[in-house]
Amino acid sequence: MDNITGLLSEAASIMAIGMAMVFLFLTLLVFVVRLMSKLLPTEQPTVPVRPKNTKQMTTADSTAQNDPKIVAAISAAVHRHRSAAAQ
C-alpha cells in the first residue's frame, strides 16, 4: 500500500509541474502577442483603384455576341445533364 501512495504522489507532482509549465508558456505567449500588437503598426486596408474608362457589358450587348452554335451546344449539354440526373 505504501508503494501505491508513493507512485500516486510522484504522478501528482509530475502532473503539477507539467501543468505549471504549460500555464507559464501560455502566459508568456499572451504577453508576447500583446507586446507585438502594440509595437507593430496595424495594416491599413488598401482601396482598389477602379479604372475610369471601363465599359460595362449590358444584357443587350452580351446577347448580340452569342454564337447560335455555342448556345445550341450549351443547351444540349444542359438537357443531357438534366435527363441523366433524372434517371
N, C-alpha and C. Protein backbone atom coordinates (compact mmCIF):
# COMPACT_ATOMS: atom_id res chain seq x y z
N MET A 1 0.82 -1.19 0.00
CA MET A 1 0.00 0.00 0.00
C MET A 1 0.86 1.25 0.00
N ASP A 2 2.00 1.16 0.63
CA ASP A 2 2.91 2.30 0.72
C ASP A 2 3.49 2.63 -0.65
N ASN A 3 3.69 1.59 -1.48
CA ASN A 3 4.25 1.78 -2.80
C ASN A 3 3.28 2.55 -3.70
N ILE A 4 1.99 2.25 -3.60
CA ILE A 4 0.99 2.93 -4.42
C ILE A 4 0.90 4.40 -4.03
N THR A 5 0.99 4.69 -2.74
CA THR A 5 0.93 6.07 -2.28
C THR A 5 2.10 6.88 -2.83
N GLY A 6 3.27 6.28 -2.83
CA GLY A 6 4.45 6.95 -3.38
C GLY A 6 4.32 7.21 -4.87
N LEU A 7 3.78 6.21 -5.59
CA LEU A 7 3.60 6.38 -7.03
C LEU A 7 2.56 7.46 -7.34
N LEU A 8 1.48 7.48 -6.56
CA LEU A 8 0.45 8.49 -6.79
C LEU A 8 0.96 9.90 -6.48
N SER A 9 1.74 10.03 -5.43
CA SER A 9 2.28 11.36 -5.10
C SER A 9 3.29 11.81 -6.15
N GLU A 10 4.08 10.89 -6.66
CA GLU A 10 5.04 11.23 -7.72
C GLU A 10 4.30 11.61 -9.01
N ALA A 11 3.23 10.89 -9.34
CA ALA A 11 2.44 11.21 -10.52
C ALA A 11 1.78 12.58 -10.38
N ALA A 12 1.28 12.88 -9.18
CA ALA A 12 0.64 14.18 -8.95
C ALA A 12 1.65 15.31 -9.07
N SER A 13 2.86 15.09 -8.56
CA SER A 13 3.88 16.15 -8.66
C SER A 13 4.32 16.36 -10.11
N ILE A 14 4.45 15.28 -10.87
CA ILE A 14 4.82 15.41 -12.29
C ILE A 14 3.70 16.12 -13.05
N MET A 15 2.44 15.79 -12.72
CA MET A 15 1.31 16.44 -13.37
C MET A 15 1.28 17.93 -13.03
N ALA A 16 1.53 18.27 -11.78
CA ALA A 16 1.52 19.68 -11.37
C ALA A 16 2.64 20.46 -12.07
N ILE A 17 3.81 19.85 -12.18
CA ILE A 17 4.93 20.51 -12.87
C ILE A 17 4.59 20.72 -14.34
N GLY A 18 4.00 19.73 -14.98
CA GLY A 18 3.62 19.85 -16.39
C GLY A 18 2.57 20.93 -16.60
N MET A 19 1.57 20.96 -15.72
CA MET A 19 0.53 21.98 -15.85
C MET A 19 1.09 23.37 -15.61
N ALA A 20 2.03 23.50 -14.68
CA ALA A 20 2.65 24.80 -14.41
C ALA A 20 3.47 25.26 -15.62
N MET A 21 4.18 24.33 -16.25
CA MET A 21 4.97 24.69 -17.43
C MET A 21 4.07 25.16 -18.57
N VAL A 22 2.97 24.47 -18.80
CA VAL A 22 2.04 24.87 -19.86
C VAL A 22 1.43 26.23 -19.54
N PHE A 23 1.05 26.45 -18.28
CA PHE A 23 0.48 27.73 -17.88
C PHE A 23 1.48 28.86 -18.09
N LEU A 24 2.73 28.64 -17.70
CA LEU A 24 3.75 29.67 -17.88
C LEU A 24 4.00 29.96 -19.36
N PHE A 25 4.05 28.92 -20.17
CA PHE A 25 4.26 29.13 -21.60
C PHE A 25 3.12 29.91 -22.23
N LEU A 26 1.88 29.56 -21.89
CA LEU A 26 0.74 30.27 -22.47
C LEU A 26 0.67 31.71 -21.99
N THR A 27 1.02 31.94 -20.72
CA THR A 27 1.04 33.31 -20.20
C THR A 27 2.09 34.14 -20.93
N LEU A 28 3.27 33.57 -21.12
CA LEU A 28 4.33 34.25 -21.86
C LEU A 28 3.89 34.53 -23.30
N LEU A 29 3.22 33.58 -23.91
CA LEU A 29 2.74 33.76 -25.28
C LEU A 29 1.73 34.90 -25.38
N VAL A 30 0.84 35.00 -24.41
CA VAL A 30 -0.15 36.08 -24.41
C VAL A 30 0.54 37.43 -24.30
N PHE A 31 1.52 37.54 -23.40
CA PHE A 31 2.22 38.82 -23.24
C PHE A 31 3.04 39.18 -24.48
N VAL A 32 3.65 38.21 -25.11
CA VAL A 32 4.43 38.49 -26.32
C VAL A 32 3.51 38.95 -27.45
N VAL A 33 2.35 38.32 -27.60
CA VAL A 33 1.42 38.72 -28.66
C VAL A 33 0.89 40.12 -28.39
N ARG A 34 0.57 40.43 -27.14
CA ARG A 34 0.11 41.79 -26.81
C ARG A 34 1.20 42.82 -27.08
N LEU A 35 2.44 42.50 -26.74
CA LEU A 35 3.55 43.41 -26.98
C LEU A 35 3.74 43.63 -28.48
N MET A 36 3.65 42.57 -29.25
CA MET A 36 3.80 42.71 -30.70
C MET A 36 2.68 43.54 -31.30
N SER A 37 1.47 43.39 -30.77
CA SER A 37 0.36 44.17 -31.33
C SER A 37 0.51 45.65 -31.01
N LYS A 38 1.18 45.99 -29.93
CA LYS A 38 1.40 47.39 -29.60
C LYS A 38 2.59 47.97 -30.35
N LEU A 39 3.62 47.17 -30.59
CA LEU A 39 4.82 47.66 -31.24
C LEU A 39 4.67 47.75 -32.76
N LEU A 40 4.04 46.76 -33.36
CA LEU A 40 3.92 46.74 -34.81
C LEU A 40 2.70 47.56 -35.24
N PRO A 41 2.85 48.35 -36.29
CA PRO A 41 1.70 49.14 -36.76
C PRO A 41 0.66 48.24 -37.41
N THR A 42 -0.58 48.65 -37.30
CA THR A 42 -1.65 47.88 -37.93
C THR A 42 -1.69 48.20 -39.42
N GLU A 43 -2.08 47.23 -40.20
CA GLU A 43 -2.16 47.42 -41.64
C GLU A 43 -3.45 48.13 -41.99
N GLN A 44 -3.32 49.14 -42.81
CA GLN A 44 -4.50 49.86 -43.29
C GLN A 44 -4.97 49.18 -44.57
N PRO A 45 -6.26 48.90 -44.69
CA PRO A 45 -6.73 48.25 -45.92
C PRO A 45 -6.59 49.19 -47.11
N THR A 46 -6.11 48.63 -48.19
CA THR A 46 -5.93 49.43 -49.40
C THR A 46 -7.22 49.39 -50.22
N VAL A 47 -7.61 50.52 -50.71
CA VAL A 47 -8.81 50.61 -51.53
C VAL A 47 -8.39 50.37 -52.98
N PRO A 48 -8.99 49.38 -53.64
CA PRO A 48 -8.60 49.13 -55.02
C PRO A 48 -9.01 50.29 -55.92
N VAL A 49 -8.11 50.65 -56.81
CA VAL A 49 -8.37 51.76 -57.74
C VAL A 49 -9.11 51.19 -58.94
N ARG A 50 -10.26 51.77 -59.22
CA ARG A 50 -11.05 51.31 -60.36
C ARG A 50 -10.73 52.18 -61.57
N PRO A 51 -10.48 51.56 -62.71
CA PRO A 51 -10.25 52.35 -63.92
C PRO A 51 -11.51 53.12 -64.29
N LYS A 52 -11.32 54.32 -64.81
CA LYS A 52 -12.46 55.20 -65.08
C LYS A 52 -13.12 54.93 -66.42
N ASN A 53 -12.38 54.39 -67.37
CA ASN A 53 -12.92 54.24 -68.72
C ASN A 53 -13.26 52.80 -69.05
N THR A 54 -13.84 52.09 -68.12
CA THR A 54 -14.22 50.71 -68.42
C THR A 54 -15.67 50.68 -68.86
N LYS A 55 -15.93 49.92 -69.90
CA LYS A 55 -17.28 49.80 -70.42
C LYS A 55 -17.91 48.54 -69.84
N GLN A 56 -19.03 48.69 -69.20
CA GLN A 56 -19.75 47.56 -68.64
C GLN A 56 -20.63 46.95 -69.73
N MET A 57 -20.61 45.62 -69.82
CA MET A 57 -21.45 44.94 -70.80
C MET A 57 -22.89 44.92 -70.31
N THR A 58 -23.77 45.30 -71.15
CA THR A 58 -25.19 45.23 -70.82
C THR A 58 -25.75 43.92 -71.33
N THR A 59 -26.98 43.64 -70.98
CA THR A 59 -27.60 42.40 -71.43
C THR A 59 -27.77 42.39 -72.94
N ALA A 60 -28.09 43.51 -73.52
CA ALA A 60 -28.26 43.57 -74.98
C ALA A 60 -26.93 43.31 -75.68
N ASP A 61 -25.83 43.82 -75.12
CA ASP A 61 -24.52 43.59 -75.73
C ASP A 61 -24.13 42.13 -75.66
N SER A 62 -24.39 41.48 -74.53
CA SER A 62 -23.96 40.10 -74.38
C SER A 62 -24.78 39.15 -75.24
N THR A 63 -26.06 39.44 -75.44
CA THR A 63 -26.86 38.56 -76.29
C THR A 63 -26.52 38.75 -77.76
N ALA A 64 -26.07 39.92 -78.14
CA ALA A 64 -25.71 40.17 -79.53
C ALA A 64 -24.45 39.41 -79.90
N GLN A 65 -23.61 39.08 -78.93
CA GLN A 65 -22.35 38.41 -79.21
C GLN A 65 -22.45 36.90 -79.13
N ASN A 66 -23.58 36.34 -78.73
CA ASN A 66 -23.72 34.89 -78.59
C ASN A 66 -23.80 34.23 -79.96
N ASP A 67 -22.98 33.21 -80.14
CA ASP A 67 -23.00 32.44 -81.37
C ASP A 67 -24.10 31.38 -81.26
N PRO A 68 -24.93 31.22 -82.25
CA PRO A 68 -26.02 30.23 -82.17
C PRO A 68 -25.52 28.81 -81.98
N LYS A 69 -24.35 28.48 -82.53
CA LYS A 69 -23.79 27.13 -82.36
C LYS A 69 -23.40 26.89 -80.91
N ILE A 70 -22.84 27.91 -80.27
CA ILE A 70 -22.44 27.78 -78.87
C ILE A 70 -23.68 27.65 -77.98
N VAL A 71 -24.70 28.43 -78.27
CA VAL A 71 -25.94 28.36 -77.49
C VAL A 71 -26.57 26.97 -77.64
N ALA A 72 -26.55 26.42 -78.85
CA ALA A 72 -27.11 25.10 -79.09
C ALA A 72 -26.32 24.02 -78.34
N ALA A 73 -24.99 24.14 -78.34
CA ALA A 73 -24.16 23.16 -77.65
C ALA A 73 -24.39 23.21 -76.14
N ILE A 74 -24.50 24.41 -75.59
CA ILE A 74 -24.74 24.55 -74.15
C ILE A 74 -26.12 24.01 -73.80
N SER A 75 -27.11 24.32 -74.62
CA SER A 75 -28.47 23.82 -74.36
C SER A 75 -28.52 22.30 -74.40
N ALA A 76 -27.82 21.70 -75.37
CA ALA A 76 -27.79 20.24 -75.47
C ALA A 76 -27.09 19.62 -74.26
N ALA A 77 -26.02 20.25 -73.80
CA ALA A 77 -25.30 19.72 -72.64
C ALA A 77 -26.15 19.81 -71.38
N VAL A 78 -26.86 20.91 -71.21
CA VAL A 78 -27.73 21.06 -70.04
C VAL A 78 -28.87 20.05 -70.10
N HIS A 79 -29.45 19.86 -71.27
CA HIS A 79 -30.54 18.90 -71.42
C HIS A 79 -30.06 17.48 -71.11
N ARG A 80 -28.89 17.13 -71.61
CA ARG A 80 -28.34 15.79 -71.36
C ARG A 80 -28.03 15.59 -69.89
N HIS A 81 -27.49 16.61 -69.24
CA HIS A 81 -27.17 16.51 -67.81
C HIS A 81 -28.45 16.33 -66.99
N ARG A 82 -29.47 17.11 -67.31
CA ARG A 82 -30.72 17.02 -66.55
C ARG A 82 -31.43 15.69 -66.79
N SER A 83 -31.38 15.18 -68.01
CA SER A 83 -32.03 13.90 -68.28
C SER A 83 -31.26 12.75 -67.63
N ALA A 84 -29.94 12.85 -67.53
CA ALA A 84 -29.15 11.82 -66.86
C ALA A 84 -29.37 11.87 -65.35
N ALA A 85 -29.56 13.06 -64.81
CA ALA A 85 -29.77 13.20 -63.37
C ALA A 85 -31.15 12.72 -62.97
N ALA A 86 -32.12 12.80 -63.88
CA ALA A 86 -33.49 12.38 -63.57
C ALA A 86 -33.61 10.87 -63.52
N GLN A 87 -32.73 10.15 -64.19
CA GLN A 87 -32.81 8.68 -64.22
C GLN A 87 -32.25 8.10 -63.02
